[in-house]
Amino acid sequence: MFKSKKSQTLAAIALMAVAGSTFAAIPEAATNAMESVTETATTVVSWAWGVGSTLIAGFVGLKLVKKGANRAS
């Protein structure tokens, strides 16, 4: 679409300027909704880290126990 790096750079800067000016006009209700979604996502991710870590530790522990049992017999 653009033939030179200079025109690509200018187009990118123009798009960022437009995006920045439209971001400033977000209503308060939308900001509150996004904060609520962010808070929920953070809670879910922290829960998933706890459950995922426990599962991985369990599987690794079972594998080590199985390996030790096979060597003992």
Protein backbone atom coordinates (compact mmCIF):
# COMPACT_ATOMS: atom_id res chain seq x y z
CA MET A 1 0.00 0.00 0.00
CA PHE A 2 2.77 2.45 0.98
CA LYS A 3 5.91 2.44 -1.10
CA SER A 4 8.36 4.04 1.31
CA LYS A 5 9.19 3.68 4.97
CA LYS A 6 8.66 7.41 5.46
CA SER A 7 5.03 7.24 4.30
CA GLN A 8 4.44 4.15 6.45
CA THR A 9 5.85 5.96 9.48
CA LEU A 10 3.73 9.06 8.85
CA ALA A 11 0.60 6.93 8.46
CA ALA A 12 1.34 5.09 11.71
CA ILE A 13 1.89 8.36 13.58
CA ALA A 14 -1.36 9.77 12.19
CA LEU A 15 -3.29 6.68 13.25
CA MET A 16 -1.80 6.81 16.75
CA ALA A 17 -2.76 10.48 17.04
CA VAL A 18 -6.34 9.72 16.00
CA ALA A 19 -6.51 6.75 18.38
CA GLY A 20 -5.19 8.88 21.23
CA SER A 21 -7.74 11.62 20.67
CA THR A 22 -10.65 9.17 20.48
CA PHE A 23 -9.48 7.37 23.62
CA ALA A 24 -9.78 10.61 25.59
CA ALA A 25 -13.52 10.82 24.84
CA ILE A 26 -14.50 7.55 26.56
CA PRO A 27 -17.44 8.02 28.92
CA GLU A 28 -17.11 7.30 32.63
CA ALA A 29 -19.55 4.36 32.48
CA ALA A 30 -17.41 2.62 29.88
CA THR A 31 -14.29 3.21 31.95
CA ASN A 32 -16.00 1.72 35.01
CA ALA A 33 -17.14 -1.28 32.98
CA MET A 34 -13.61 -1.89 31.67
CA GLU A 35 -12.20 -1.63 35.20
CA SER A 36 -14.75 -4.20 36.35
CA VAL A 37 -13.80 -6.55 33.52
CA THR A 38 -10.11 -6.05 34.29
CA GLU A 39 -10.68 -6.81 37.97
CA THR A 40 -12.63 -9.99 37.13
CA ALA A 41 -9.96 -11.11 34.67
CA THR A 42 -7.23 -10.54 37.24
CA THR A 43 -9.15 -12.62 39.77
CA VAL A 44 -9.66 -15.46 37.29
CA VAL A 45 -6.01 -15.44 36.22
CA SER A 46 -4.79 -15.53 39.82
CA TRP A 47 -7.15 -18.44 40.53
CA ALA A 48 -5.95 -20.26 37.40
CA TRP A 49 -2.31 -19.84 38.45
CA GLY A 50 -3.07 -21.46 41.78
CA VAL A 51 -5.00 -24.37 40.28
CA GLY A 52 -2.56 -24.81 37.39
CA SER A 53 0.47 -24.82 39.68
CA THR A 54 -1.18 -27.40 41.93
CA LEU A 55 -2.02 -29.64 38.97
CA ILE A 56 1.49 -29.45 37.54
CA ALA A 57 3.06 -30.15 40.93
CA GLY A 58 0.72 -33.12 41.34
CA PHE A 59 1.54 -34.60 37.94
CA VAL A 60 5.27 -34.14 38.47
CA GLY A 61 4.99 -35.70 41.93
CA LEU A 62 3.07 -38.70 40.56
CA LYS A 63 5.64 -39.19 37.82
CA LEU A 64 8.49 -39.11 40.36
CA VAL A 65 6.69 -41.61 42.62
CA LYS A 66 6.04 -43.90 39.64
CA LYS A 67 9.67 -43.64 38.57
CA GLY A 68 10.84 -44.47 42.09
CA ALA A 69 8.45 -47.41 42.34
CA ASN A 70 9.67 -48.82 39.02
CA ARG A 71 13.30 -48.61 40.15
CA ALA A 72 12.53 -50.25 43.48
CA SER A 73 10.94 -53.30 41.89
